[in-house]
Amino acid sequence: MVATGTGSGKTECFLFPLLDHCQRNPGPGIKAIVIYPMNALATDQSKRFASVIQKTPELKGKVRVGLFVGSDERSDQTFMGAEEVITCKETLRKNPPDILLTQYKMPTTC
C-alpha cells in the first residue's frame, strides 16, 4: 500500500515495477489489481499506463491493461491504444489483462 500526498510519485512507485513484473512473467491471467478510490482517478491513471506501454517497445503489444469501473457508460475499447486501455467488460471477462485497474465500490450490475 502506498499512501502519500498528491503529486508525490505514488504512481511511479508501482507503475514501473508492475510493468516489469508483467514483462518478466508473460502468459494469460491477471498479475496485478490496482484499486483506486474513484472512477475518475482510475480512468486518468489508465492513460498513464497506456502511454508508457505504447512508448516502450519491450511492453507494446505484450502487456495488456484493463479498466473495470462501475460506470453505466458503455465502452467498446477492446484493445490497448496509445492513450487507452481495454474497457470493454466482455473482453476483460473473456480475456483478462495482465493488470486490472478498478475501484473499490462496484454496483451489482457489473
PDB file of N, CA and C in Angstrom:
ATOM      1  N   MET A   1       0.841  -1.163   0.000  1.00  0.00           N
ATOM      2  CA  MET A   1       0.000   0.000   0.000  1.00  0.00           C
ATOM      3  C   MET A   1       0.891   1.232   0.000  1.00  0.00           C
ATOM      4  N   VAL A   2       0.542   2.182  -0.842  1.00  0.00           N
ATOM      5  CA  VAL A   2       1.278   3.446  -0.918  1.00  0.00           C
ATOM      6  C   VAL A   2       0.281   4.560  -0.599  1.00  0.00           C
ATOM      7  N   ALA A   3       0.585   5.357   0.388  1.00  0.00           N
ATOM      8  CA  ALA A   3      -0.282   6.483   0.762  1.00  0.00           C
ATOM      9  C   ALA A   3       0.592   7.695   1.032  1.00  0.00           C
ATOM     10  N   THR A   4       0.403   8.740   0.233  1.00  0.00           N
ATOM     11  CA  THR A   4       1.154   9.976   0.392  1.00  0.00           C
ATOM     12  C   THR A   4       0.419  11.084  -0.352  1.00  0.00           C
ATOM     13  N   GLY A   5       0.891  12.291  -0.272  1.00  0.00           N
ATOM     14  CA  GLY A   5       0.203  13.434  -0.841  1.00  0.00           C
ATOM     15  C   GLY A   5       0.132  13.443  -2.355  1.00  0.00           C
ATOM     16  N   THR A   6      -0.722  14.318  -2.867  1.00  0.00           N
ATOM     17  CA  THR A   6      -0.904  14.495  -4.304  1.00  0.00           C
ATOM     18  C   THR A   6       0.397  14.941  -4.967  1.00  0.00           C
ATOM     19  N   GLY A   7       0.697  14.328  -6.104  1.00  0.00           N
ATOM     20  CA  GLY A   7       1.874  14.720  -6.879  1.00  0.00           C
ATOM     21  C   GLY A   7       3.197  14.297  -6.287  1.00  0.00           C
ATOM     22  N   SER A   8       3.182  13.321  -5.401  1.00  0.00           N
ATOM     23  CA  SER A   8       4.426  12.919  -4.736  1.00  0.00           C
ATOM     24  C   SER A   8       5.081  11.683  -5.340  1.00  0.00           C
ATOM     25  N   GLY A   9       4.508  11.132  -6.407  1.00  0.00           N
ATOM     26  CA  GLY A   9       5.137   9.997  -7.078  1.00  0.00           C
ATOM     27  C   GLY A   9       4.559   8.642  -6.753  1.00  0.00           C
ATOM     28  N   LYS A  10       3.333   8.602  -6.242  1.00  0.00           N
ATOM     29  CA  LYS A  10       2.712   7.310  -5.912  1.00  0.00           C
ATOM     30  C   LYS A  10       2.635   6.395  -7.130  1.00  0.00           C
ATOM     31  N   THR A  11       2.207   6.943  -8.244  1.00  0.00           N
ATOM     32  CA  THR A  11       2.036   6.111  -9.439  1.00  0.00           C
ATOM     33  C   THR A  11       3.346   5.458  -9.845  1.00  0.00           C
ATOM     34  N   GLU A  12       4.426   6.210  -9.844  1.00  0.00           N
ATOM     35  CA  GLU A  12       5.718   5.659 -10.230  1.00  0.00           C
ATOM     36  C   GLU A  12       6.179   4.558  -9.279  1.00  0.00           C
ATOM     37  N   CYS A  13       5.735   4.610  -8.030  1.00  0.00           N
ATOM     38  CA  CYS A  13       6.113   3.584  -7.042  1.00  0.00           C
ATOM     39  C   CYS A  13       5.638   2.195  -7.447  1.00  0.00           C
ATOM     40  N   PHE A  14       4.515   2.143  -8.159  1.00  0.00           N
ATOM     41  CA  PHE A  14       4.003   0.829  -8.540  1.00  0.00           C
ATOM     42  C   PHE A  14       3.919   0.616 -10.048  1.00  0.00           C
ATOM     43  N   LEU A  15       3.840   1.682 -10.833  1.00  0.00           N
ATOM     44  CA  LEU A  15       3.684   1.541 -12.283  1.00  0.00           C
ATOM     45  C   LEU A  15       4.829   0.745 -12.904  1.00  0.00           C
ATOM     46  N   PHE A  16       6.043   1.193 -12.702  1.00  0.00           N
ATOM     47  CA  PHE A  16       7.185   0.544 -13.345  1.00  0.00           C
ATOM     48  C   PHE A  16       7.465  -0.861 -12.791  1.00  0.00           C
ATOM     49  N   PRO A  17       7.389  -1.080 -11.476  1.00  0.00           N
ATOM     50  CA  PRO A  17       7.556  -2.463 -11.000  1.00  0.00           C
ATOM     51  C   PRO A  17       6.476  -3.415 -11.531  1.00  0.00           C
ATOM     52  N   LEU A  18       5.235  -2.951 -11.643  1.00  0.00           N
ATOM     53  CA  LEU A  18       4.177  -3.812 -12.182  1.00  0.00           C
ATOM     54  C   LEU A  18       4.423  -4.158 -13.646  1.00  0.00           C
ATOM     55  N   LEU A  19       4.788  -3.164 -14.425  1.00  0.00           N
ATOM     56  CA  LEU A  19       5.064  -3.414 -15.847  1.00  0.00           C
ATOM     57  C   LEU A  19       6.250  -4.360 -16.016  1.00  0.00           C
ATOM     58  N   ASP A  20       7.269  -4.179 -15.204  1.00  0.00           N
ATOM     59  CA  ASP A  20       8.431  -5.067 -15.248  1.00  0.00           C
ATOM     60  C   ASP A  20       8.029  -6.495 -14.885  1.00  0.00           C
ATOM     61  N   HIS A  21       7.205  -6.645 -13.857  1.00  0.00           N
ATOM     62  CA  HIS A  21       6.746  -7.968 -13.437  1.00  0.00           C
ATOM     63  C   HIS A  21       5.959  -8.652 -14.561  1.00  0.00           C
ATOM     64  N   CYS A  22       5.089  -7.902 -15.208  1.00  0.00           N
ATOM     65  CA  CYS A  22       4.297  -8.473 -16.301  1.00  0.00           C
ATOM     66  C   CYS A  22       5.169  -8.872 -17.486  1.00  0.00           C
ATOM     67  N   GLN A  23       6.171  -8.063 -17.782  1.00  0.00           N
ATOM     68  CA  GLN A  23       7.080  -8.383 -18.884  1.00  0.00           C
ATOM     69  C   GLN A  23       7.871  -9.650 -18.571  1.00  0.00           C
ATOM     70  N   ARG A  24       8.298  -9.799 -17.339  1.00  0.00           N
ATOM     71  CA  ARG A  24       9.105 -10.960 -16.941  1.00  0.00           C
ATOM     72  C   ARG A  24       8.277 -12.228 -16.769  1.00  0.00           C
ATOM     73  N   ASN A  25       6.969 -12.075 -16.640  1.00  0.00           N
ATOM     74  CA  ASN A  25       6.079 -13.211 -16.417  1.00  0.00           C
ATOM     75  C   ASN A  25       4.959 -13.215 -17.451  1.00  0.00           C
ATOM     76  N   PRO A  26       5.302 -13.475 -18.703  1.00  0.00           N
ATOM     77  CA  PRO A  26       4.267 -13.465 -19.743  1.00  0.00           C
ATOM     78  C   PRO A  26       3.299 -14.630 -19.555  1.00  0.00           C
ATOM     79  N   GLY A  27       2.204 -14.525 -20.231  1.00  0.00           N
ATOM     80  CA  GLY A  27       1.206 -15.582 -20.158  1.00  0.00           C
ATOM     81  C   GLY A  27      -0.130 -15.009 -19.734  1.00  0.00           C
ATOM     82  N   PRO A  28      -1.161 -15.821 -19.869  1.00  0.00           N
ATOM     83  CA  PRO A  28      -2.510 -15.330 -19.581  1.00  0.00           C
ATOM     84  C   PRO A  28      -2.747 -15.100 -18.094  1.00  0.00           C
ATOM     85  N   GLY A  29      -3.706 -14.244 -17.820  1.00  0.00           N
ATOM     86  CA  GLY A  29      -4.151 -14.031 -16.452  1.00  0.00           C
ATOM     87  C   GLY A  29      -3.723 -12.711 -15.839  1.00  0.00           C
ATOM     88  N   ILE A  30      -4.520 -12.274 -14.892  1.00  0.00           N
ATOM     89  CA  ILE A  30      -4.247 -11.029 -14.176  1.00  0.00           C
ATOM     90  C   ILE A  30      -3.081 -11.247 -13.220  1.00  0.00           C
ATOM     91  N   LYS A  31      -2.112 -10.366 -13.303  1.00  0.00           N
ATOM     92  CA  LYS A  31      -0.935 -10.429 -12.445  1.00  0.00           C
ATOM     93  C   LYS A  31      -0.972  -9.376 -11.348  1.00  0.00           C
ATOM     94  N   ALA A  32      -1.803  -8.332 -11.537  1.00  0.00           N
ATOM     95  CA  ALA A  32      -1.923  -7.277 -10.537  1.00  0.00           C
ATOM     96  C   ALA A  32      -3.272  -6.592 -10.668  1.00  0.00           C
ATOM     97  N   ILE A  33      -3.826  -6.217  -9.518  1.00  0.00           N
ATOM     98  CA  ILE A  33      -5.051  -5.426  -9.474  1.00  0.00           C
ATOM     99  C   ILE A  33      -4.711  -4.135  -8.746  1.00  0.00           C
ATOM    100  N   VAL A  34      -4.996  -3.016  -9.389  1.00  0.00           N
ATOM    101  CA  VAL A  34      -4.747  -1.704  -8.791  1.00  0.00           C
ATOM    102  C   VAL A  34      -6.110  -1.108  -8.462  1.00  0.00           C
ATOM    103  N   ILE A  35      -6.334  -0.822  -7.184  1.00  0.00           N
ATOM    104  CA  ILE A  35      -7.633  -0.327  -6.717  1.00  0.00           C
ATOM    105  C   ILE A  35      -7.531   1.158  -6.388  1.00  0.00           C
ATOM    106  N   TYR A  36      -8.376   1.936  -7.035  1.00  0.00           N
ATOM    107  CA  TYR A  36      -8.412   3.385  -6.835  1.00  0.00           C
ATOM    108  C   TYR A  36      -9.657   3.758  -6.039  1.00  0.00           C
ATOM    109  N   PRO A  37      -9.648   4.932  -5.392  1.00  0.00           N
ATOM    110  CA  PRO A  37     -10.816   5.347  -4.612  1.00  0.00           C
ATOM    111  C   PRO A  37     -11.951   5.924  -5.460  1.00  0.00           C
ATOM    112  N   MET A  38     -11.669   6.320  -6.693  1.00  0.00           N
ATOM    113  CA  MET A  38     -12.704   6.939  -7.535  1.00  0.00           C
ATOM    114  C   MET A  38     -12.527   6.509  -8.990  1.00  0.00           C
ATOM    115  N   ASN A  39     -13.654   6.428  -9.712  1.00  0.00           N
ATOM    116  CA  ASN A  39     -13.610   6.097 -11.143  1.00  0.00           C
ATOM    117  C   ASN A  39     -12.753   7.080 -11.921  1.00  0.00           C
ATOM    118  N   ALA A  40     -12.899   8.369 -11.611  1.00  0.00           N
ATOM    119  CA  ALA A  40     -12.169   9.398 -12.357  1.00  0.00           C
ATOM    120  C   ALA A  40     -10.662   9.213 -12.224  1.00  0.00           C
ATOM    121  N   LEU A  41     -10.198   8.871 -11.052  1.00  0.00           N
ATOM    122  CA  LEU A  41      -8.764   8.663 -10.850  1.00  0.00           C
ATOM    123  C   LEU A  41      -8.290   7.417 -11.596  1.00  0.00           C
ATOM    124  N   ALA A  42      -9.066   6.351 -11.526  1.00  0.00           N
ATOM    125  CA  ALA A  42      -8.709   5.124 -12.247  1.00  0.00           C
ATOM    126  C   ALA A  42      -8.638   5.396 -13.748  1.00  0.00           C
ATOM    127  N   THR A  43      -9.596   6.134 -14.261  1.00  0.00           N
ATOM    128  CA  THR A  43      -9.631   6.464 -15.689  1.00  0.00           C
ATOM    129  C   THR A  43      -8.428   7.323 -16.074  1.00  0.00           C
ATOM    130  N   ASP A  44      -8.118   8.302 -15.254  1.00  0.00           N
ATOM    131  CA  ASP A  44      -6.972   9.175 -15.518  1.00  0.00           C
ATOM    132  C   ASP A  44      -5.663   8.378 -15.516  1.00  0.00           C
ATOM    133  N   GLN A  45      -5.491   7.531 -14.524  1.00  0.00           N
ATOM    134  CA  GLN A  45      -4.262   6.755 -14.414  1.00  0.00           C
ATOM    135  C   GLN A  45      -4.143   5.713 -15.522  1.00  0.00           C
ATOM    136  N   SER A  46      -5.273   5.236 -16.044  1.00  0.00           N
ATOM    137  CA  SER A  46      -5.218   4.260 -17.145  1.00  0.00           C
ATOM    138  C   SER A  46      -4.503   4.844 -18.356  1.00  0.00           C
ATOM    139  N   LYS A  47      -4.652   6.148 -18.558  1.00  0.00           N
ATOM    140  CA  LYS A  47      -3.982   6.810 -19.685  1.00  0.00           C
ATOM    141  C   LYS A  47      -2.471   6.794 -19.502  1.00  0.00           C
ATOM    142  N   ARG A  48      -2.003   6.882 -18.254  1.00  0.00           N
ATOM    143  CA  ARG A  48      -0.561   6.819 -17.996  1.00  0.00           C
ATOM    144  C   ARG A  48      -0.020   5.431 -18.296  1.00  0.00           C
ATOM    145  N   PHE A  49      -0.757   4.407 -17.885  1.00  0.00           N
ATOM    146  CA  PHE A  49      -0.347   3.035 -18.192  1.00  0.00           C
ATOM    147  C   PHE A  49      -0.253   2.856 -19.710  1.00  0.00           C
ATOM    148  N   ALA A  50      -1.307   3.270 -20.424  1.00  0.00           N
ATOM    149  CA  ALA A  50      -1.333   3.105 -21.884  1.00  0.00           C
ATOM    150  C   ALA A  50      -0.172   3.834 -22.540  1.00  0.00           C
ATOM    151  N   SER A  51       0.108   5.038 -22.102  1.00  0.00           N
ATOM    152  CA  SER A  51       1.175   5.848 -22.689  1.00  0.00           C
ATOM    153  C   SER A  51       2.550   5.203 -22.492  1.00  0.00           C
ATOM    154  N   VAL A  52       2.812   4.748 -21.276  1.00  0.00           N
ATOM    155  CA  VAL A  52       4.115   4.121 -21.001  1.00  0.00           C
ATOM    156  C   VAL A  52       4.275   2.847 -21.828  1.00  0.00           C
ATOM    157  N   ILE A  53       3.233   2.041 -21.889  1.00  0.00           N
ATOM    158  CA  ILE A  53       3.298   0.790 -22.660  1.00  0.00           C
ATOM    159  C   ILE A  53       3.514   1.097 -24.143  1.00  0.00           C
ATOM    160  N   GLN A  54       2.794   2.062 -24.657  1.00  0.00           N
ATOM    161  CA  GLN A  54       2.910   2.427 -26.080  1.00  0.00           C
ATOM    162  C   GLN A  54       4.318   2.883 -26.433  1.00  0.00           C
ATOM    163  N   LYS A  55       4.977   3.596 -25.527  1.00  0.00           N
ATOM    164  CA  LYS A  55       6.304   4.171 -25.792  1.00  0.00           C
ATOM    165  C   LYS A  55       7.452   3.220 -25.481  1.00  0.00           C
ATOM    166  N   THR A  56       7.141   2.035 -24.952  1.00  0.00           N
ATOM    167  CA  THR A  56       8.181   1.091 -24.552  1.00  0.00           C
ATOM    168  C   THR A  56       8.115  -0.154 -25.435  1.00  0.00           C
ATOM    169  N   PRO A  57       9.048  -0.308 -26.369  1.00  0.00           N
ATOM    170  CA  PRO A  57       8.990  -1.436 -27.304  1.00  0.00           C
ATOM    171  C   PRO A  57       8.909  -2.809 -26.612  1.00  0.00           C
ATOM    172  N   GLU A  58       9.542  -2.944 -25.465  1.00  0.00           N
ATOM    173  CA  GLU A  58       9.529  -4.233 -24.759  1.00  0.00           C
ATOM    174  C   GLU A  58       8.150  -4.559 -24.189  1.00  0.00           C
ATOM    175  N   LEU A  59       7.284  -3.564 -24.065  1.00  0.00           N
ATOM    176  CA  LEU A  59       5.961  -3.758 -23.480  1.00  0.00           C
ATOM    177  C   LEU A  59       4.832  -3.707 -24.510  1.00  0.00           C
ATOM    178  N   LYS A  60       5.021  -2.886 -25.526  1.00  0.00           N
ATOM    179  CA  LYS A  60       3.971  -2.663 -26.525  1.00  0.00           C
ATOM    180  C   LYS A  60       3.574  -3.980 -27.191  1.00  0.00           C
ATOM    181  N   GLY A  61       2.288  -4.265 -27.148  1.00  0.00           N
ATOM    182  CA  GLY A  61       1.768  -5.492 -27.732  1.00  0.00           C
ATOM    183  C   GLY A  61       1.968  -6.724 -26.871  1.00  0.00           C
ATOM    184  N   LYS A  62       2.630  -6.563 -25.733  1.00  0.00           N
ATOM    185  CA  LYS A  62       2.915  -7.709 -24.861  1.00  0.00           C
ATOM    186  C   LYS A  62       2.231  -7.603 -23.507  1.00  0.00           C
ATOM    187  N   VAL A  63       2.075  -6.398 -22.988  1.00  0.00           N
ATOM    188  CA  VAL A  63       1.439  -6.190 -21.691  1.00  0.00           C
ATOM    189  C   VAL A  63       0.110  -5.488 -21.922  1.00  0.00           C
ATOM    190  N   ARG A  64      -0.944  -6.070 -21.359  1.00  0.00           N
ATOM    191  CA  ARG A  64      -2.288  -5.523 -21.530  1.00  0.00           C
ATOM    192  C   ARG A  64      -2.818  -5.010 -20.196  1.00  0.00           C
ATOM    193  N   VAL A  65      -3.508  -3.884 -20.248  1.00  0.00           N
ATOM    194  CA  VAL A  65      -4.106  -3.283 -19.060  1.00  0.00           C
ATOM    195  C   VAL A  65      -5.589  -3.074 -19.332  1.00  0.00           C
ATOM    196  N   GLY A  66      -6.404  -3.361 -18.327  1.00  0.00           N
ATOM    197  CA  GLY A  66      -7.838  -3.154 -18.448  1.00  0.00           C
ATOM    198  C   GLY A  66      -8.351  -2.240 -17.358  1.00  0.00           C
ATOM    199  N   LEU A  67      -9.426  -1.540 -17.667  1.00  0.00           N
ATOM    200  CA  LEU A  67     -10.087  -0.658 -16.725  1.00  0.00           C
ATOM    201  C   LEU A  67     -11.507  -1.160 -16.531  1.00  0.00           C
ATOM    202  N   PHE A  68     -11.815  -1.575 -15.316  1.00  0.00           N
ATOM    203  CA  PHE A  68     -13.137  -2.118 -14.993  1.00  0.00           C
ATOM    204  C   PHE A  68     -13.706  -1.291 -13.858  1.00  0.00           C
ATOM    205  N   VAL A  69     -14.564  -0.341 -14.206  1.00  0.00           N
ATOM    206  CA  VAL A  69     -15.205   0.508 -13.201  1.00  0.00           C
ATOM    207  C   VAL A  69     -16.709   0.415 -13.368  1.00  0.00           C
ATOM    208  N   GLY A  70     -17.426   0.779 -12.347  1.00  0.00           N
ATOM    209  CA  GLY A  70     -18.875   0.609 -12.328  1.00  0.00           C
ATOM    210  C   GLY A  70     -19.655   1.681 -13.045  1.00  0.00           C
ATOM    211  N   SER A  71     -19.129   2.205 -14.084  1.00  0.00           N
ATOM    212  CA  SER A  71     -19.809   3.239 -14.851  1.00  0.00           C
ATOM    213  C   SER A  71     -20.953   2.630 -15.656  1.00  0.00           C
ATOM    214  N   ASP A  72     -22.012   3.392 -15.804  1.00  0.00           N
ATOM    215  CA  ASP A  72     -23.121   2.945 -16.649  1.00  0.00           C
ATOM    216  C   ASP A  72     -22.801   3.139 -18.124  1.00  0.00           C
ATOM    217  N   GLU A  73     -21.753   3.894 -18.395  1.00  0.00           N
ATOM    218  CA  GLU A  73     -21.369   4.151 -19.778  1.00  0.00           C
ATOM    219  C   GLU A  73     -20.913   2.854 -20.433  1.00  0.00           C
ATOM    220  N   ARG A  74     -21.270   2.699 -21.673  1.00  0.00           N
ATOM    221  CA  ARG A  74     -20.842   1.526 -22.427  1.00  0.00           C
ATOM    222  C   ARG A  74     -19.579   1.883 -23.191  1.00  0.00           C
ATOM    223  N   SER A  75     -18.582   1.059 -23.046  1.00  0.00           N
ATOM    224  CA  SER A  75     -17.335   1.307 -23.751  1.00  0.00           C
ATOM    225  C   SER A  75     -16.975   0.092 -24.577  1.00  0.00           C
ATOM    226  N   ASP A  76     -16.513   0.343 -25.759  1.00  0.00           N
ATOM    227  CA  ASP A  76     -16.187  -0.746 -26.668  1.00  0.00           C
ATOM    228  C   ASP A  76     -14.699  -0.842 -26.957  1.00  0.00           C
ATOM    229  N   GLN A  77     -13.857  -0.285 -26.103  1.00  0.00           N
ATOM    230  CA  GLN A  77     -12.406  -0.345 -26.333  1.00  0.00           C
ATOM    231  C   GLN A  77     -11.941  -1.775 -26.030  1.00  0.00           C
ATOM    232  N   THR A  78     -11.687  -2.536 -27.083  1.00  0.00           N
ATOM    233  CA  THR A  78     -11.342  -3.950 -26.922  1.00  0.00           C
ATOM    234  C   THR A  78      -9.852  -4.231 -27.017  1.00  0.00           C
ATOM    235  N   PHE A  79      -9.048  -3.178 -27.237  1.00  0.00           N
ATOM    236  CA  PHE A  79      -7.607  -3.357 -27.370  1.00  0.00           C
ATOM    237  C   PHE A  79      -6.888  -2.151 -26.775  1.00  0.00           C
ATOM    238  N   MET A  80      -5.598  -2.311 -26.522  1.00  0.00           N
ATOM    239  CA  MET A  80      -4.782  -1.224 -25.993  1.00  0.00           C
ATOM    240  C   MET A  80      -4.503  -0.221 -27.101  1.00  0.00           C
ATOM    241  N   GLY A  81      -4.573   1.056 -26.752  1.00  0.00           N
ATOM    242  CA  GLY A  81      -4.237   2.115 -27.683  1.00  0.00           C
ATOM    243  C   GLY A  81      -3.145   2.990 -27.097  1.00  0.00           C
ATOM    244  N   ALA A  82      -2.796   4.043 -27.805  1.00  0.00           N
ATOM    245  CA  ALA A  82      -1.744   4.944 -27.343  1.00  0.00           C
ATOM    246  C   ALA A  82      -2.145   5.684 -26.075  1.00  0.00           C
ATOM    247  N   GLU A  83      -3.434   5.917 -25.902  1.00  0.00           N
ATOM    248  CA  GLU A  83      -3.913   6.635 -24.717  1.00  0.00           C
ATOM    249  C   GLU A  83      -5.065   5.925 -24.034  1.00  0.00           C
ATOM    250  N   GLU A  84      -5.349   4.690 -24.441  1.00  0.00           N
ATOM    251  CA  GLU A  84      -6.483   3.965 -23.870  1.00  0.00           C
ATOM    252  C   GLU A  84      -6.107   2.530 -23.541  1.00  0.00           C
ATOM    253  N   VAL A  85      -6.710   2.052 -22.480  1.00  0.00           N
ATOM    254  CA  VAL A  85      -6.581   0.647 -22.109  1.00  0.00           C
ATOM    255  C   VAL A  85      -7.886  -0.045 -22.486  1.00  0.00           C
ATOM    256  N   ILE A  86      -7.966  -1.321 -22.269  1.00  0.00           N
ATOM    257  CA  ILE A  86      -9.159  -2.093 -22.593  1.00  0.00           C
ATOM    258  C   ILE A  86     -10.253  -1.747 -21.580  1.00  0.00           C
ATOM    259  N   THR A  87     -11.432  -1.377 -22.079  1.00  0.00           N
ATOM    260  CA  THR A  87     -12.539  -1.029 -21.191  1.00  0.00           C
ATOM    261  C   THR A  87     -13.792  -1.865 -21.449  1.00  0.00           C
ATOM    262  N   CYS A  88     -13.800  -2.626 -22.510  1.00  0.00           N
ATOM    263  CA  CYS A  88     -14.954  -3.468 -22.819  1.00  0.00           C
ATOM    264  C   CYS A  88     -15.037  -4.585 -21.781  1.00  0.00           C
ATOM    265  N   LYS A  89     -16.093  -4.570 -20.983  1.00  0.00           N
ATOM    266  CA  LYS A  89     -16.212  -5.539 -19.889  1.00  0.00           C
ATOM    267  C   LYS A  89     -16.277  -6.980 -20.395  1.00  0.00           C
ATOM    268  N   GLU A  90     -16.916  -7.189 -21.520  1.00  0.00           N
ATOM    269  CA  GLU A  90     -16.992  -8.535 -22.091  1.00  0.00           C
ATOM    270  C   GLU A  90     -15.591  -9.037 -22.466  1.00  0.00           C
ATOM    271  N   THR A  91     -14.800  -8.170 -23.085  1.00  0.00           N
ATOM    272  CA  THR A  91     -13.424  -8.525 -23.453  1.00  0.00           C
ATOM    273  C   THR A  91     -12.600  -8.811 -22.205  1.00  0.00           C
ATOM    274  N   LEU A  92     -12.753  -7.984 -21.178  1.00  0.00           N
ATOM    275  CA  LEU A  92     -11.995  -8.177 -19.935  1.00  0.00           C
ATOM    276  C   LEU A  92     -12.355  -9.497 -19.259  1.00  0.00           C
ATOM    277  N   ARG A  93     -13.611  -9.874 -19.330  1.00  0.00           N
ATOM    278  CA  ARG A  93     -14.026 -11.147 -18.716  1.00  0.00           C
ATOM    279  C   ARG A  93     -13.511 -12.350 -19.516  1.00  0.00           C
ATOM    280  N   LYS A  94     -13.585 -12.263 -20.836  1.00  0.00           N
ATOM    281  CA  LYS A  94     -13.177 -13.384 -21.685  1.00  0.00           C
ATOM    282  C   LYS A  94     -11.668 -13.554 -21.773  1.00  0.00           C
ATOM    283  N   ASN A  95     -10.952 -12.443 -21.755  1.00  0.00           N
ATOM    284  CA  ASN A  95      -9.500 -12.470 -21.909  1.00  0.00           C
ATOM    285  C   ASN A  95      -8.886 -11.464 -20.933  1.00  0.00           C
ATOM    286  N   PRO A  96      -8.767 -11.853 -19.663  1.00  0.00           N
ATOM    287  CA  PRO A  96      -8.296 -10.910 -18.647  1.00  0.00           C
ATOM    288  C   PRO A  96      -6.931 -10.315 -18.981  1.00  0.00           C
ATOM    289  N   PRO A  97      -6.760  -9.025 -18.662  1.00  0.00           N
ATOM    290  CA  PRO A  97      -5.494  -8.344 -18.936  1.00  0.00           C
ATOM    291  C   PRO A  97      -4.431  -8.730 -17.908  1.00  0.00           C
ATOM    292  N   ASP A  98      -3.224  -8.287 -18.133  1.00  0.00           N
ATOM    293  CA  ASP A  98      -2.152  -8.506 -17.163  1.00  0.00           C
ATOM    294  C   ASP A  98      -2.383  -7.681 -15.904  1.00  0.00           C
ATOM    295  N   ILE A  99      -2.839  -6.434 -16.097  1.00  0.00           N
ATOM    296  CA  ILE A  99      -3.087  -5.519 -14.982  1.00  0.00           C
ATOM    297  C   ILE A  99      -4.519  -5.023 -15.093  1.00  0.00           C
ATOM    298  N   LEU A 100      -5.242  -5.111 -13.993  1.00  0.00           N
ATOM    299  CA  LEU A 100      -6.621  -4.641 -13.956  1.00  0.00           C
ATOM    300  C   LEU A 100      -6.709  -3.433 -13.036  1.00  0.00           C
ATOM    301  N   LEU A 101      -7.179  -2.320 -13.582  1.00  0.00           N
ATOM    302  CA  LEU A 101      -7.408  -1.109 -12.805  1.00  0.00           C
ATOM    303  C   LEU A 101      -8.893  -1.058 -12.470  1.00  0.00           C
ATOM    304  N   THR A 102      -9.219  -0.785 -11.220  1.00  0.00           N
ATOM    305  CA  THR A 102     -10.615  -0.746 -10.809  1.00  0.00           C
ATOM    306  C   THR A 102     -10.761   0.194  -9.626  1.00  0.00           C
ATOM    307  N   GLN A 103     -11.942   0.216  -9.041  1.00  0.00           N
ATOM    308  CA  GLN A 103     -12.163   0.977  -7.826  1.00  0.00           C
ATOM    309  C   GLN A 103     -12.874   0.084  -6.831  1.00  0.00           C
ATOM    310  N   TYR A 104     -12.893   0.483  -5.565  1.00  0.00           N
ATOM    311  CA  TYR A 104     -13.317  -0.422  -4.513  1.00  0.00           C
ATOM    312  C   TYR A 104     -14.819  -0.656  -4.428  1.00  0.00           C
ATOM    313  N   LYS A 105     -15.617   0.202  -4.997  1.00  0.00           N
ATOM    314  CA  LYS A 105     -17.078   0.062  -4.871  1.00  0.00           C
ATOM    315  C   LYS A 105     -17.680  -0.196  -6.247  1.00  0.00           C
ATOM    316  N   MET A 106     -18.201  -1.377  -6.430  1.00  0.00           N
ATOM    317  CA  MET A 106     -18.777  -1.743  -7.725  1.00  0.00           C
ATOM    318  C   MET A 106     -20.273  -2.033  -7.570  1.00  0.00           C
ATOM    319  N   PRO A 107     -21.102  -1.491  -8.454  1.00  0.00           N
ATOM    320  CA  PRO A 107     -22.537  -1.828  -8.419  1.00  0.00           C
ATOM    321  C   PRO A 107     -22.728  -3.295  -8.771  1.00  0.00           C
ATOM    322  N   THR A 108     -23.812  -3.851  -8.340  1.00  0.00           N
ATOM    323  CA  THR A 108     -24.074  -5.271  -8.586  1.00  0.00           C
ATOM    324  C   THR A 108     -24.374  -5.574 -10.046  1.00  0.00           C
ATOM    325  N   THR A 109     -24.584  -4.558 -10.874  1.00  0.00           N
ATOM    326  CA  THR A 109     -24.899  -4.777 -12.275  1.00  0.00           C
ATOM    327  C   THR A 109     -23.657  -4.965 -13.151  1.00  0.00           C
ATOM    328  N   CYS A 110     -22.467  -4.858 -12.585  1.00  0.00           N
ATOM    329  CA  CYS A 110     -21.251  -5.015 -13.375  1.00  0.00           C
ATOM    330  C   CYS A 110     -21.061  -6.453 -13.682  1.00  0.00           C
TER     331      CYS A 110
END
